[in-house]
Amino acid sequence: MNATDQTALLSKTDMISAAAMSPLALRHAIRAGKHRGTTTGYASGFLQGNLAILPRDHADAFLQFCMKNPKASPLIGMSEPGSPHIPALGRDLDIRTDLPGYRVFRGTTDYQTVTDLTSVWRDDLVTFVLGCSFSFEDAITRGGVPVRHIVAGRNVPMYVTNIATAPAGPFHGPLVVSMRSFTPSDAIKAILYSDRYRLAHGAPVHMGDPAGIGIKDLMKPDFGDAPVMDKGDIPVFWACGVTPQMAIRNVLPDLAITHEPGLMLVTDLPAESAEFMSVGTA
């Protein structure tokens, strides 16, 4: 076996190990500072979620934003004000420590990246957990379709589009999409697999020419890593849970917290629950 083969084997072994981790073990590793990267490919078969945390005064309007934009912001969990726990989403789950990275906004579009929210937590904060496309990637791979960014050990590429979301109160902004590239035949399979996961963004919103949704350079995503594409691949675009970050930037409350793109909350819920689940609360 040559060096290239050894590297590939180790990479595949790492992928299998990551996929086999339980959500609880992954959250504990994140809490202990042992995992700080993307959660794509980890805890295979379990529902992952995007994060938006806002003061109670903005919670009702943001909830309406989610209801009006279910494709981009499918709500799977919501906390009581001040509670960092949503028991319906996971055992021993702490919103303040169990994501690899957070963005903290303090009334401006600038943000601070942190790995722990304990020092900034307040009693008036309401947490929203939104479905994530990482949840249907396992179904795609189990169907024999390779997901190129997972194979490459990268974060998924994400792009701001020219598609407007439906406004709710002060919340408004463009749709953000994530992109995965496939052969034409695999693209059809990926669309069918993802469509089952309606609370994880469901079927894609666009495929083919990126310019059709306002993306100027596919190789320069706004978030995540540059895409991995093989010759003849078709780009396929799904609504992305980073969308609420754009809406929050148009409101700028005195404190708002989101996840770092690609660094998700991994719940104890089976990914298949995205087909039929109702919203979990604290």
C-alpha atoms as a PDB file:
ATOM      1  CA  MET A   1       0.000   0.000   0.000  1.00  0.00           C
ATOM      2  CA  ASN A   2       1.495   3.381  -1.046  1.00  0.00           C
ATOM      3  CA  ALA A   3       1.318   6.633   0.928  1.00  0.00           C
ATOM      4  CA  THR A   4      -1.699   7.859  -1.027  1.00  0.00           C
ATOM      5  CA  ASP A   5      -3.610   4.655  -0.293  1.00  0.00           C
ATOM      6  CA  GLN A   6      -2.720   4.896   3.405  1.00  0.00           C
ATOM      7  CA  THR A   7      -3.983   8.469   3.578  1.00  0.00           C
ATOM      8  CA  ALA A   8      -7.240   7.490   1.916  1.00  0.00           C
ATOM      9  CA  LEU A   9      -7.684   4.559   4.288  1.00  0.00           C
ATOM     10  CA  LEU A  10      -7.054   6.693   7.354  1.00  0.00           C
ATOM     11  CA  SER A  11      -9.439   9.317   6.050  1.00  0.00           C
ATOM     12  CA  LYS A  12     -12.142   6.694   5.546  1.00  0.00           C
ATOM     13  CA  THR A  13     -11.490   5.316   9.025  1.00  0.00           C
ATOM     14  CA  ASP A  14     -11.831   8.785  10.513  1.00  0.00           C
ATOM     15  CA  MET A  15     -15.078   9.292   8.615  1.00  0.00           C
ATOM     16  CA  ILE A  16     -16.512   6.037   9.950  1.00  0.00           C
ATOM     17  CA  SER A  17     -15.462   6.940  13.503  1.00  0.00           C
ATOM     18  CA  ALA A  18     -17.050  10.391  13.241  1.00  0.00           C
ATOM     19  CA  ALA A  19     -20.278   8.995  11.820  1.00  0.00           C
ATOM     20  CA  ALA A  20     -20.486   6.401  14.611  1.00  0.00           C
ATOM     21  CA  MET A  21     -20.242   8.937  17.471  1.00  0.00           C
ATOM     22  CA  SER A  22     -23.372   9.309  19.546  1.00  0.00           C
ATOM     23  CA  PRO A  23     -24.840  12.825  19.774  1.00  0.00           C
ATOM     24  CA  LEU A  24     -24.214  12.862  23.530  1.00  0.00           C
ATOM     25  CA  ALA A  25     -20.562  11.858  23.085  1.00  0.00           C
ATOM     26  CA  LEU A  26     -20.099  14.524  20.429  1.00  0.00           C
ATOM     27  CA  ARG A  27     -21.706  17.218  22.603  1.00  0.00           C
ATOM     28  CA  HIS A  28     -19.465  16.221  25.509  1.00  0.00           C
ATOM     29  CA  ALA A  29     -16.407  16.394  23.246  1.00  0.00           C
ATOM     30  CA  ILE A  30     -17.461  19.862  22.093  1.00  0.00           C
ATOM     31  CA  ARG A  31     -18.134  20.960  25.676  1.00  0.00           C
ATOM     32  CA  ALA A  32     -14.655  19.766  26.691  1.00  0.00           C
ATOM     33  CA  GLY A  33     -13.034  21.649  23.800  1.00  0.00           C
ATOM     34  CA  LYS A  34     -11.987  18.460  22.002  1.00  0.00           C
ATOM     35  CA  HIS A  35     -13.976  19.194  18.831  1.00  0.00           C
ATOM     36  CA  ARG A  36     -14.106  22.650  17.258  1.00  0.00           C
ATOM     37  CA  GLY A  37     -14.709  21.907  13.572  1.00  0.00           C
ATOM     38  CA  THR A  38     -17.720  21.279  11.390  1.00  0.00           C
ATOM     39  CA  THR A  39     -20.343  18.764  12.531  1.00  0.00           C
ATOM     40  CA  THR A  40     -21.053  17.505   9.009  1.00  0.00           C
ATOM     41  CA  GLY A  41     -20.500  13.759   8.852  1.00  0.00           C
ATOM     42  CA  TYR A  42     -20.702  13.355  12.643  1.00  0.00           C
ATOM     43  CA  ALA A  43     -23.323  11.373  14.609  1.00  0.00           C
ATOM     44  CA  SER A  44     -24.793   9.870  11.472  1.00  0.00           C
ATOM     45  CA  GLY A  45     -28.554   9.445  11.502  1.00  0.00           C
ATOM     46  CA  PHE A  46     -29.306  12.172  14.054  1.00  0.00           C
ATOM     47  CA  LEU A  47     -30.972  15.528  13.571  1.00  0.00           C
ATOM     48  CA  GLN A  48     -28.711  18.591  13.561  1.00  0.00           C
ATOM     49  CA  GLY A  49     -29.857  22.144  14.128  1.00  0.00           C
ATOM     50  CA  ASN A  50     -28.968  25.754  13.390  1.00  0.00           C
ATOM     51  CA  LEU A  51     -29.147  28.248  16.234  1.00  0.00           C
ATOM     52  CA  ALA A  52     -30.661  31.682  16.773  1.00  0.00           C
ATOM     53  CA  ILE A  53     -30.806  33.243  20.242  1.00  0.00           C
ATOM     54  CA  LEU A  54     -32.608  36.540  20.814  1.00  0.00           C
ATOM     55  CA  PRO A  55     -33.951  38.658  23.689  1.00  0.00           C
ATOM     56  CA  ARG A  56     -37.558  37.880  24.629  1.00  0.00           C
ATOM     57  CA  ASP A  57     -38.738  41.228  23.182  1.00  0.00           C
ATOM     58  CA  HIS A  58     -37.795  40.008  19.697  1.00  0.00           C
ATOM     59  CA  ALA A  59     -38.857  36.372  20.077  1.00  0.00           C
ATOM     60  CA  ASP A  60     -42.461  36.697  18.832  1.00  0.00           C
ATOM     61  CA  ALA A  61     -41.451  38.496  15.635  1.00  0.00           C
ATOM     62  CA  PHE A  62     -38.669  36.002  14.954  1.00  0.00           C
ATOM     63  CA  LEU A  63     -41.075  33.113  15.518  1.00  0.00           C
ATOM     64  CA  GLN A  64     -43.319  34.664  12.880  1.00  0.00           C
ATOM     65  CA  PHE A  65     -40.323  34.936  10.552  1.00  0.00           C
ATOM     66  CA  CYS A  66     -39.727  31.196  10.954  1.00  0.00           C
ATOM     67  CA  MET A  67     -43.395  30.424  10.315  1.00  0.00           C
ATOM     68  CA  LYS A  68     -43.379  32.524   7.131  1.00  0.00           C
ATOM     69  CA  ASN A  69     -40.129  30.995   5.866  1.00  0.00           C
ATOM     70  CA  PRO A  70     -40.358  27.300   6.767  1.00  0.00           C
ATOM     71  CA  LYS A  71     -38.048  26.204   3.943  1.00  0.00           C
ATOM     72  CA  ALA A  72     -35.122  28.269   5.246  1.00  0.00           C
ATOM     73  CA  SER A  73     -36.038  28.311   8.951  1.00  0.00           C
ATOM     74  CA  PRO A  74     -37.819  25.056   9.879  1.00  0.00           C
ATOM     75  CA  LEU A  75     -38.316  25.290  13.642  1.00  0.00           C
ATOM     76  CA  ILE A  76     -37.520  22.074  15.550  1.00  0.00           C
ATOM     77  CA  GLY A  77     -37.038  23.448  19.059  1.00  0.00           C
ATOM     78  CA  MET A  78     -37.578  26.540  21.199  1.00  0.00           C
ATOM     79  CA  SER A  79     -36.573  27.252  24.788  1.00  0.00           C
ATOM     80  CA  GLU A  80     -38.303  29.028  27.620  1.00  0.00           C
ATOM     81  CA  PRO A  81     -36.841  32.517  28.262  1.00  0.00           C
ATOM     82  CA  GLY A  82     -33.539  32.241  30.090  1.00  0.00           C
ATOM     83  CA  SER A  83     -33.272  28.463  29.826  1.00  0.00           C
ATOM     84  CA  PRO A  84     -30.188  27.003  28.107  1.00  0.00           C
ATOM     85  CA  HIS A  85     -31.883  23.602  27.933  1.00  0.00           C
ATOM     86  CA  ILE A  86     -34.376  22.057  25.508  1.00  0.00           C
ATOM     87  CA  PRO A  87     -34.938  18.561  26.949  1.00  0.00           C
ATOM     88  CA  ALA A  88     -37.073  17.489  23.994  1.00  0.00           C
ATOM     89  CA  LEU A  89     -33.989  17.754  21.771  1.00  0.00           C
ATOM     90  CA  GLY A  90     -31.436  15.981  23.897  1.00  0.00           C
ATOM     91  CA  ARG A  91     -30.303  14.519  27.199  1.00  0.00           C
ATOM     92  CA  ASP A  92     -27.725  16.621  29.039  1.00  0.00           C
ATOM     93  CA  LEU A  93     -27.897  19.284  26.325  1.00  0.00           C
ATOM     94  CA  ASP A  94     -26.662  22.785  27.129  1.00  0.00           C
ATOM     95  CA  ILE A  95     -27.097  25.462  24.461  1.00  0.00           C
ATOM     96  CA  ARG A  96     -24.312  27.540  26.042  1.00  0.00           C
ATOM     97  CA  THR A  97     -21.540  24.972  25.529  1.00  0.00           C
ATOM     98  CA  ASP A  98     -22.579  22.257  23.079  1.00  0.00           C
ATOM     99  CA  LEU A  99     -21.896  23.858  19.691  1.00  0.00           C
ATOM    100  CA  PRO A 100     -18.312  24.114  18.377  1.00  0.00           C
ATOM    101  CA  GLY A 101     -18.633  27.845  17.707  1.00  0.00           C
ATOM    102  CA  TYR A 102     -21.007  30.782  18.134  1.00  0.00           C
ATOM    103  CA  ARG A 103     -21.323  34.287  16.729  1.00  0.00           C
ATOM    104  CA  VAL A 104     -22.215  36.973  19.285  1.00  0.00           C
ATOM    105  CA  PHE A 105     -23.697  40.227  17.926  1.00  0.00           C
ATOM    106  CA  ARG A 106     -23.986  43.255  20.204  1.00  0.00           C
ATOM    107  CA  GLY A 107     -26.114  45.771  18.334  1.00  0.00           C
ATOM    108  CA  THR A 108     -23.875  45.924  15.229  1.00  0.00           C
ATOM    109  CA  THR A 109     -23.132  43.761  12.203  1.00  0.00           C
ATOM    110  CA  ASP A 110     -19.728  42.996  13.713  1.00  0.00           C
ATOM    111  CA  TYR A 111     -19.584  39.831  15.776  1.00  0.00           C
ATOM    112  CA  GLN A 112     -17.342  37.972  18.173  1.00  0.00           C
ATOM    113  CA  THR A 113     -16.661  34.279  17.657  1.00  0.00           C
ATOM    114  CA  VAL A 114     -16.742  32.311  20.920  1.00  0.00           C
ATOM    115  CA  THR A 115     -16.873  28.663  21.959  1.00  0.00           C
ATOM    116  CA  ASP A 116     -18.810  29.148  25.206  1.00  0.00           C
ATOM    117  CA  LEU A 117     -21.805  31.368  25.979  1.00  0.00           C
ATOM    118  CA  THR A 118     -21.749  31.056  29.757  1.00  0.00           C
ATOM    119  CA  SER A 119     -20.315  34.537  30.345  1.00  0.00           C
ATOM    120  CA  VAL A 120     -22.798  36.275  28.001  1.00  0.00           C
ATOM    121  CA  TRP A 121     -25.950  34.359  28.947  1.00  0.00           C
ATOM    122  CA  ARG A 122     -28.973  36.346  30.163  1.00  0.00           C
ATOM    123  CA  ASP A 123     -32.306  35.497  31.743  1.00  0.00           C
ATOM    124  CA  ASP A 124     -34.286  37.029  28.869  1.00  0.00           C
ATOM    125  CA  LEU A 125     -32.726  34.999  26.041  1.00  0.00           C
ATOM    126  CA  VAL A 126     -34.906  32.687  23.946  1.00  0.00           C
ATOM    127  CA  THR A 127     -33.273  29.946  21.878  1.00  0.00           C
ATOM    128  CA  PHE A 128     -34.585  28.807  18.503  1.00  0.00           C
ATOM    129  CA  VAL A 129     -33.213  25.600  16.953  1.00  0.00           C
ATOM    130  CA  LEU A 130     -33.808  25.260  13.238  1.00  0.00           C
ATOM    131  CA  GLY A 131     -33.522  22.172  11.049  1.00  0.00           C
ATOM    132  CA  CYS A 132     -30.250  21.668   9.158  1.00  0.00           C
ATOM    133  CA  SER A 133     -29.441  20.079   5.806  1.00  0.00           C
ATOM    134  CA  PHE A 134     -26.682  18.025   7.445  1.00  0.00           C
ATOM    135  CA  SER A 135     -29.523  15.843   8.724  1.00  0.00           C
ATOM    136  CA  PHE A 136     -30.403  14.460   5.294  1.00  0.00           C
ATOM    137  CA  GLU A 137     -26.794  13.963   4.148  1.00  0.00           C
ATOM    138  CA  ASP A 138     -26.698  10.581   5.851  1.00  0.00           C
ATOM    139  CA  ALA A 139     -29.712   9.444   3.839  1.00  0.00           C
ATOM    140  CA  ILE A 140     -27.958  10.556   0.667  1.00  0.00           C
ATOM    141  CA  THR A 141     -24.752   8.695   1.509  1.00  0.00           C
ATOM    142  CA  ARG A 142     -26.651   5.584   2.615  1.00  0.00           C
ATOM    143  CA  GLY A 143     -28.262   5.637  -0.806  1.00  0.00           C
ATOM    144  CA  GLY A 144     -24.816   5.252  -2.344  1.00  0.00           C
ATOM    145  CA  VAL A 145     -24.461   8.885  -3.405  1.00  0.00           C
ATOM    146  CA  PRO A 146     -21.173  10.539  -2.357  1.00  0.00           C
ATOM    147  CA  VAL A 147     -21.389  13.942  -0.668  1.00  0.00           C
ATOM    148  CA  ARG A 148     -18.172  15.544  -1.851  1.00  0.00           C
ATOM    149  CA  HIS A 149     -17.465  17.956   1.007  1.00  0.00           C
ATOM    150  CA  ILE A 150     -17.825  15.143   3.566  1.00  0.00           C
ATOM    151  CA  VAL A 151     -15.429  12.911   1.634  1.00  0.00           C
ATOM    152  CA  ALA A 152     -12.981  15.843   1.469  1.00  0.00           C
ATOM    153  CA  GLY A 153     -13.368  16.643   5.190  1.00  0.00           C
ATOM    154  CA  ARG A 154     -14.639  20.145   4.463  1.00  0.00           C
ATOM    155  CA  ASN A 155     -17.494  22.358   5.567  1.00  0.00           C
ATOM    156  CA  VAL A 156     -20.360  22.739   3.094  1.00  0.00           C
ATOM    157  CA  PRO A 157     -20.201  25.887   0.895  1.00  0.00           C
ATOM    158  CA  MET A 158     -22.954  28.458   1.535  1.00  0.00           C
ATOM    159  CA  TYR A 159     -24.026  31.466  -0.522  1.00  0.00           C
ATOM    160  CA  VAL A 160     -26.174  34.583  -0.130  1.00  0.00           C
ATOM    161  CA  THR A 161     -28.724  34.684  -2.971  1.00  0.00           C
ATOM    162  CA  ASN A 162     -30.912  37.341  -4.607  1.00  0.00           C
ATOM    163  CA  ILE A 163     -34.043  35.560  -3.342  1.00  0.00           C
ATOM    164  CA  ALA A 164     -35.880  37.575  -0.675  1.00  0.00           C
ATOM    165  CA  THR A 165     -37.422  35.966   2.398  1.00  0.00           C
ATOM    166  CA  ALA A 166     -40.918  36.860   3.577  1.00  0.00           C
ATOM    167  CA  PRO A 167     -40.568  39.654   6.174  1.00  0.00           C
ATOM    168  CA  ALA A 168     -42.018  39.422   9.669  1.00  0.00           C
ATOM    169  CA  GLY A 169     -41.966  42.590  11.728  1.00  0.00           C
ATOM    170  CA  PRO A 170     -38.413  43.928  11.498  1.00  0.00           C
ATOM    171  CA  PHE A 171     -36.946  40.603  10.354  1.00  0.00           C
ATOM    172  CA  HIS A 172     -36.153  40.374   6.637  1.00  0.00           C
ATOM    173  CA  GLY A 173     -33.273  39.574   4.313  1.00  0.00           C
ATOM    174  CA  PRO A 174     -32.006  37.325   1.514  1.00  0.00           C
ATOM    175  CA  LEU A 175     -32.166  33.558   1.374  1.00  0.00           C
ATOM    176  CA  VAL A 176     -28.888  31.746   2.047  1.00  0.00           C
ATOM    177  CA  VAL A 177     -28.322  28.388   0.354  1.00  0.00           C
ATOM    178  CA  SER A 178     -25.942  25.477   0.817  1.00  0.00           C
ATOM    179  CA  MET A 179     -24.553  23.698  -2.253  1.00  0.00           C
ATOM    180  CA  ARG A 180     -23.681  20.088  -2.989  1.00  0.00           C
ATOM    181  CA  SER A 181     -22.506  18.928  -6.401  1.00  0.00           C
ATOM    182  CA  PHE A 182     -23.426  15.613  -8.016  1.00  0.00           C
ATOM    183  CA  THR A 183     -23.395  13.764 -11.271  1.00  0.00           C
ATOM    184  CA  PRO A 184     -26.742  14.283 -13.064  1.00  0.00           C
ATOM    185  CA  SER A 185     -28.059  10.863 -12.026  1.00  0.00           C
ATOM    186  CA  ASP A 186     -26.919  11.289  -8.413  1.00  0.00           C
ATOM    187  CA  ALA A 187     -28.483  14.770  -8.297  1.00  0.00           C
ATOM    188  CA  ILE A 188     -31.898  13.235  -8.968  1.00  0.00           C
ATOM    189  CA  LYS A 189     -31.368  10.726  -6.154  1.00  0.00           C
ATOM    190  CA  ALA A 190     -30.212  13.446  -3.740  1.00  0.00           C
ATOM    191  CA  ILE A 191     -33.299  15.521  -4.486  1.00  0.00           C
ATOM    192  CA  LEU A 192     -35.589  12.570  -3.795  1.00  0.00           C
ATOM    193  CA  TYR A 193     -33.797  11.635  -0.566  1.00  0.00           C
ATOM    194  CA  SER A 194     -33.775  15.184   0.805  1.00  0.00           C
ATOM    195  CA  ASP A 195     -37.421  15.834  -0.028  1.00  0.00           C
ATOM    196  CA  ARG A 196     -38.428  13.446   2.770  1.00  0.00           C
ATOM    197  CA  TYR A 197     -36.765  15.678   5.373  1.00  0.00           C
ATOM    198  CA  ARG A 198     -39.163  18.615   5.353  1.00  0.00           C
ATOM    199  CA  LEU A 199     -37.916  19.981   8.709  1.00  0.00           C
ATOM    200  CA  ALA A 200     -34.320  19.803   7.463  1.00  0.00           C
ATOM    201  CA  HIS A 201     -35.007  22.125   4.489  1.00  0.00           C
ATOM    202  CA  GLY A 202     -36.481  19.383   2.305  1.00  0.00           C
ATOM    203  CA  ALA A 203     -35.959  19.434  -1.454  1.00  0.00           C
ATOM    204  CA  PRO A 204     -33.567  21.956  -3.027  1.00  0.00           C
ATOM    205  CA  VAL A 205     -34.630  25.428  -4.143  1.00  0.00           C
ATOM    206  CA  HIS A 206     -32.441  25.553  -7.259  1.00  0.00           C
ATOM    207  CA  MET A 207     -30.088  23.502  -9.400  1.00  0.00           C
ATOM    208  CA  GLY A 208     -27.800  24.344 -12.272  1.00  0.00           C
ATOM    209  CA  ASP A 209     -26.638  27.856 -13.181  1.00  0.00           C
ATOM    210  CA  PRO A 210     -25.636  29.688  -9.938  1.00  0.00           C
ATOM    211  CA  ALA A 211     -26.237  33.052 -11.621  1.00  0.00           C
ATOM    212  CA  GLY A 212     -29.940  32.228 -11.685  1.00  0.00           C
ATOM    213  CA  ILE A 213     -30.075  32.919  -7.942  1.00  0.00           C
ATOM    214  CA  GLY A 214     -27.517  35.715  -7.878  1.00  0.00           C
ATOM    215  CA  ILE A 215     -24.337  33.751  -7.120  1.00  0.00           C
ATOM    216  CA  LYS A 216     -21.466  35.354  -9.028  1.00  0.00           C
ATOM    217  CA  ASP A 217     -18.613  32.946  -8.271  1.00  0.00           C
ATOM    218  CA  LEU A 218     -19.358  29.392  -7.176  1.00  0.00           C
ATOM    219  CA  MET A 219     -15.779  28.889  -6.021  1.00  0.00           C
ATOM    220  CA  LYS A 220     -16.044  31.781  -3.540  1.00  0.00           C
ATOM    221  CA  PRO A 221     -18.813  30.969  -1.047  1.00  0.00           C
ATOM    222  CA  ASP A 222     -19.935  33.525   1.516  1.00  0.00           C
ATOM    223  CA  PHE A 223     -19.690  30.941   4.289  1.00  0.00           C
ATOM    224  CA  GLY A 224     -18.064  27.520   4.640  1.00  0.00           C
ATOM    225  CA  ASP A 225     -15.354  26.080   2.411  1.00  0.00           C
ATOM    226  CA  ALA A 226     -14.817  26.215  -1.336  1.00  0.00           C
ATOM    227  CA  PRO A 227     -16.782  23.480  -3.110  1.00  0.00           C
ATOM    228  CA  VAL A 228     -15.397  20.177  -4.329  1.00  0.00           C
ATOM    229  CA  MET A 229     -16.655  19.496  -7.845  1.00  0.00           C
ATOM    230  CA  ASP A 230     -15.855  16.772 -10.363  1.00  0.00           C
ATOM    231  CA  LYS A 231     -16.044  17.224 -14.114  1.00  0.00           C
ATOM    232  CA  GLY A 232     -19.659  17.046 -15.277  1.00  0.00           C
ATOM    233  CA  ASP A 233     -21.115  17.760 -11.816  1.00  0.00           C
ATOM    234  CA  ILE A 234     -24.325  19.745 -11.401  1.00  0.00           C
ATOM    235  CA  PRO A 235     -24.546  22.179  -8.455  1.00  0.00           C
ATOM    236  CA  VAL A 236     -27.668  21.677  -6.340  1.00  0.00           C
ATOM    237  CA  PHE A 237     -28.762  24.330  -3.831  1.00  0.00           C
ATOM    238  CA  TRP A 238     -30.763  23.861  -0.631  1.00  0.00           C
ATOM    239  CA  ALA A 239     -32.229  26.541   1.651  1.00  0.00           C
ATOM    240  CA  CYS A 240     -29.829  27.068   4.534  1.00  0.00           C
ATOM    241  CA  GLY A 241     -30.261  27.825   8.223  1.00  0.00           C
ATOM    242  CA  VAL A 242     -27.752  30.674   7.984  1.00  0.00           C
ATOM    243  CA  THR A 243     -30.633  32.658   6.443  1.00  0.00           C
ATOM    244  CA  PRO A 244     -31.855  33.928   9.861  1.00  0.00           C
ATOM    245  CA  GLN A 245     -28.412  35.437  10.472  1.00  0.00           C
ATOM    246  CA  MET A 246     -29.035  37.787   7.554  1.00  0.00           C
ATOM    247  CA  ALA A 247     -32.457  38.709   8.965  1.00  0.00           C
ATOM    248  CA  ILE A 248     -31.035  39.284  12.450  1.00  0.00           C
ATOM    249  CA  ARG A 249     -28.406  41.627  11.000  1.00  0.00           C
ATOM    250  CA  ASN A 250     -31.254  43.820   9.770  1.00  0.00           C
ATOM    251  CA  VAL A 251     -32.671  44.106  13.300  1.00  0.00           C
ATOM    252  CA  LEU A 252     -29.554  44.267  15.472  1.00  0.00           C
ATOM    253  CA  PRO A 253     -30.932  43.839  18.993  1.00  0.00           C
ATOM    254  CA  ASP A 254     -28.531  44.668  21.820  1.00  0.00           C
ATOM    255  CA  LEU A 255     -27.597  40.974  21.968  1.00  0.00           C
ATOM    256  CA  ALA A 256     -28.103  38.213  19.415  1.00  0.00           C
ATOM    257  CA  ILE A 257     -26.336  34.867  19.095  1.00  0.00           C
ATOM    258  CA  THR A 258     -26.131  32.434  16.203  1.00  0.00           C
ATOM    259  CA  HIS A 259     -24.033  29.373  15.370  1.00  0.00           C
ATOM    260  CA  GLU A 260     -20.867  29.637  13.313  1.00  0.00           C
ATOM    261  CA  PRO A 261     -21.906  28.401   9.836  1.00  0.00           C
ATOM    262  CA  GLY A 262     -21.389  24.641   9.602  1.00  0.00           C
ATOM    263  CA  LEU A 263     -20.944  24.209  13.373  1.00  0.00           C
ATOM    264  CA  MET A 264     -24.290  22.835  14.495  1.00  0.00           C
ATOM    265  CA  LEU A 265     -26.173  21.577  17.511  1.00  0.00           C
ATOM    266  CA  VAL A 266     -26.407  17.792  17.246  1.00  0.00           C
ATOM    267  CA  THR A 267     -29.591  16.517  18.902  1.00  0.00           C
ATOM    268  CA  ASP A 268     -30.631  13.086  20.167  1.00  0.00           C
ATOM    269  CA  LEU A 269     -33.512  12.933  17.682  1.00  0.00           C
ATOM    270  CA  PRO A 270     -33.316  10.544  14.730  1.00  0.00           C
ATOM    271  CA  ALA A 271     -32.881  12.399  11.446  1.00  0.00           C
ATOM    272  CA  GLU A 272     -36.049  10.726  10.201  1.00  0.00           C
ATOM    273  CA  SER A 273     -37.992  12.736  12.764  1.00  0.00           C
ATOM    274  CA  ALA A 274     -37.544  15.712  10.435  1.00  0.00           C
ATOM    275  CA  GLU A 275     -40.274  14.119   8.337  1.00  0.00           C
ATOM    276  CA  PHE A 276     -43.018  14.542  10.922  1.00  0.00           C
ATOM    277  CA  MET A 277     -41.881  16.029  14.251  1.00  0.00           C
ATOM    278  CA  SER A 278     -43.507  18.957  16.027  1.00  0.00           C
ATOM    279  CA  VAL A 279     -41.593  21.717  17.757  1.00  0.00           C
ATOM    280  CA  GLY A 280     -39.817  20.697  20.974  1.00  0.00           C
ATOM    281  CA  THR A 281     -39.767  23.103  23.896  1.00  0.00           C
ATOM    282  CA  ALA A 282     -37.950  23.351  27.179  1.00  0.00           C
END
